[in-house]
Amino acid sequence: MTDTAASSSKGPAKKASKPGKPGIFSRIATFLRQVIGELKKVVTPTRKELINMTAVVLVFVVIVMGIVTVLDLGFGRAVLWVFGGNINIEQ
């Protein structure tokens, strides 16, 4: 048995004394330092990138609106057909 293994097997191991939990103000200060550190990493997009991303979002929203509209009209007609509604939707 090595000295390290022999010495570690003698009695219960002493736990390192852990310092107490930091106070509320030090935790707030740490949080604010971390927030400022993360904000320094933020890269502001150029005007061209911003316009491009805005256009992509608007196109995506229009496409999703079209899909939802078609599904809504389709489900509405299906419900009227299943439950025998004789109401004309295009009034």
C-alpha atoms as a PDB file:
ATOM      1  CA  MET A   1       0.000   0.000   0.000  1.00  0.00           C
ATOM      2  CA  THR A   2       1.380   3.419  -0.845  1.00  0.00           C
ATOM      3  CA  ASP A   3       1.764   6.202   1.658  1.00  0.00           C
ATOM      4  CA  THR A   4      -1.038   8.154   0.019  1.00  0.00           C
ATOM      5  CA  ALA A   5      -3.513   5.285   0.179  1.00  0.00           C
ATOM      6  CA  ALA A   6      -2.434   4.391   3.701  1.00  0.00           C
ATOM      7  CA  SER A   7      -2.707   7.928   4.976  1.00  0.00           C
ATOM      8  CA  SER A   8      -6.100   8.467   3.404  1.00  0.00           C
ATOM      9  CA  SER A   9      -7.524   5.355   4.996  1.00  0.00           C
ATOM     10  CA  LYS A  10      -6.733   6.487   8.556  1.00  0.00           C
ATOM     11  CA  GLY A  11      -9.932   7.718  10.099  1.00  0.00           C
ATOM     12  CA  PRO A  12     -12.586   9.931   8.612  1.00  0.00           C
ATOM     13  CA  ALA A  13     -11.464  12.479   6.084  1.00  0.00           C
ATOM     14  CA  LYS A  14     -11.673  16.067   7.198  1.00  0.00           C
ATOM     15  CA  LYS A  15     -13.931  18.169   5.036  1.00  0.00           C
ATOM     16  CA  ALA A  16     -12.579  21.462   3.860  1.00  0.00           C
ATOM     17  CA  SER A  17     -14.341  24.225   5.671  1.00  0.00           C
ATOM     18  CA  LYS A  18     -16.548  25.931   3.126  1.00  0.00           C
ATOM     19  CA  PRO A  19     -16.975  29.654   3.611  1.00  0.00           C
ATOM     20  CA  GLY A  20     -20.538  30.792   4.240  1.00  0.00           C
ATOM     21  CA  LYS A  21     -22.884  31.855   1.488  1.00  0.00           C
ATOM     22  CA  PRO A  22     -22.101  35.401   0.322  1.00  0.00           C
ATOM     23  CA  GLY A  23     -24.460  38.119   1.467  1.00  0.00           C
ATOM     24  CA  ILE A  24     -27.307  39.505  -0.589  1.00  0.00           C
ATOM     25  CA  PHE A  25     -25.432  42.660  -1.598  1.00  0.00           C
ATOM     26  CA  SER A  26     -22.361  40.759  -2.775  1.00  0.00           C
ATOM     27  CA  ARG A  27     -24.570  38.414  -4.811  1.00  0.00           C
ATOM     28  CA  ILE A  28     -26.321  41.416  -6.403  1.00  0.00           C
ATOM     29  CA  ALA A  29     -22.950  43.011  -7.175  1.00  0.00           C
ATOM     30  CA  THR A  30     -21.695  39.759  -8.724  1.00  0.00           C
ATOM     31  CA  PHE A  31     -24.862  39.497 -10.807  1.00  0.00           C
ATOM     32  CA  LEU A  32     -24.517  43.060 -12.068  1.00  0.00           C
ATOM     33  CA  ARG A  33     -20.826  42.511 -12.956  1.00  0.00           C
ATOM     34  CA  GLN A  34     -21.804  39.404 -14.927  1.00  0.00           C
ATOM     35  CA  VAL A  35     -24.615  41.282 -16.715  1.00  0.00           C
ATOM     36  CA  ILE A  36     -22.228  44.067 -17.724  1.00  0.00           C
ATOM     37  CA  GLY A  37     -19.687  41.477 -18.885  1.00  0.00           C
ATOM     38  CA  GLU A  38     -22.304  39.771 -21.077  1.00  0.00           C
ATOM     39  CA  LEU A  39     -23.530  43.093 -22.495  1.00  0.00           C
ATOM     40  CA  LYS A  40     -19.979  43.907 -23.597  1.00  0.00           C
ATOM     41  CA  LYS A  41     -20.061  40.749 -25.753  1.00  0.00           C
ATOM     42  CA  VAL A  42     -23.159  41.897 -27.687  1.00  0.00           C
ATOM     43  CA  VAL A  43     -22.505  42.788 -31.317  1.00  0.00           C
ATOM     44  CA  THR A  44     -24.844  45.373 -32.812  1.00  0.00           C
ATOM     45  CA  PRO A  45     -25.972  44.415 -36.335  1.00  0.00           C
ATOM     46  CA  THR A  46     -25.251  46.723 -39.233  1.00  0.00           C
ATOM     47  CA  ARG A  47     -28.073  48.533 -40.993  1.00  0.00           C
ATOM     48  CA  LYS A  48     -27.979  46.065 -43.899  1.00  0.00           C
ATOM     49  CA  GLU A  49     -28.133  43.064 -41.545  1.00  0.00           C
ATOM     50  CA  LEU A  50     -30.996  44.640 -39.590  1.00  0.00           C
ATOM     51  CA  ILE A  51     -33.024  45.289 -42.756  1.00  0.00           C
ATOM     52  CA  ASN A  52     -32.330  41.745 -43.978  1.00  0.00           C
ATOM     53  CA  MET A  53     -33.407  40.149 -40.683  1.00  0.00           C
ATOM     54  CA  THR A  54     -36.536  42.328 -40.529  1.00  0.00           C
ATOM     55  CA  ALA A  55     -37.506  41.304 -44.071  1.00  0.00           C
ATOM     56  CA  VAL A  56     -37.015  37.622 -43.223  1.00  0.00           C
ATOM     57  CA  VAL A  57     -39.241  37.949 -40.150  1.00  0.00           C
ATOM     58  CA  LEU A  58     -41.974  39.782 -42.064  1.00  0.00           C
ATOM     59  CA  VAL A  59     -41.978  37.207 -44.879  1.00  0.00           C
ATOM     60  CA  PHE A  60     -42.143  34.390 -42.331  1.00  0.00           C
ATOM     61  CA  VAL A  61     -45.071  36.054 -40.531  1.00  0.00           C
ATOM     62  CA  VAL A  62     -46.981  36.500 -43.807  1.00  0.00           C
ATOM     63  CA  ILE A  63     -46.428  32.836 -44.725  1.00  0.00           C
ATOM     64  CA  VAL A  64     -47.614  31.628 -41.310  1.00  0.00           C
ATOM     65  CA  MET A  65     -50.658  33.928 -41.523  1.00  0.00           C
ATOM     66  CA  GLY A  66     -51.547  32.365 -44.880  1.00  0.00           C
ATOM     67  CA  ILE A  67     -51.201  28.832 -43.524  1.00  0.00           C
ATOM     68  CA  VAL A  68     -53.332  29.631 -40.462  1.00  0.00           C
ATOM     69  CA  THR A  69     -55.988  31.320 -42.638  1.00  0.00           C
ATOM     70  CA  VAL A  70     -56.244  28.316 -44.981  1.00  0.00           C
ATOM     71  CA  LEU A  71     -56.435  25.888 -42.040  1.00  0.00           C
ATOM     72  CA  ASP A  72     -59.093  28.027 -40.312  1.00  0.00           C
ATOM     73  CA  LEU A  73     -61.263  28.179 -43.410  1.00  0.00           C
ATOM     74  CA  GLY A  74     -60.777  24.462 -44.057  1.00  0.00           C
ATOM     75  CA  PHE A  75     -61.658  23.433 -40.501  1.00  0.00           C
ATOM     76  CA  GLY A  76     -64.632  25.816 -40.512  1.00  0.00           C
ATOM     77  CA  ARG A  77     -66.048  24.261 -43.666  1.00  0.00           C
ATOM     78  CA  ALA A  78     -65.338  20.741 -42.355  1.00  0.00           C
ATOM     79  CA  VAL A  79     -67.198  21.455 -39.110  1.00  0.00           C
ATOM     80  CA  LEU A  80     -70.184  22.845 -41.008  1.00  0.00           C
ATOM     81  CA  TRP A  81     -70.156  19.815 -43.314  1.00  0.00           C
ATOM     82  CA  VAL A  82     -69.912  17.320 -40.405  1.00  0.00           C
ATOM     83  CA  PHE A  83     -72.612  18.952 -38.304  1.00  0.00           C
ATOM     84  CA  GLY A  84     -74.907  19.740 -41.226  1.00  0.00           C
ATOM     85  CA  GLY A  85     -74.745  23.489 -41.207  1.00  0.00           C
ATOM     86  CA  ASN A  86     -76.607  24.985 -44.152  1.00  0.00           C
ATOM     87  CA  ILE A  87     -75.185  28.440 -43.503  1.00  0.00           C
ATOM     88  CA  ASN A  88     -73.352  30.093 -46.362  1.00  0.00           C
ATOM     89  CA  ILE A  89     -69.969  31.297 -45.040  1.00  0.00           C
ATOM     90  CA  GLU A  90     -69.523  33.933 -47.763  1.00  0.00           C
ATOM     91  CA  GLN A  91     -72.283  36.289 -46.623  1.00  0.00           C
END
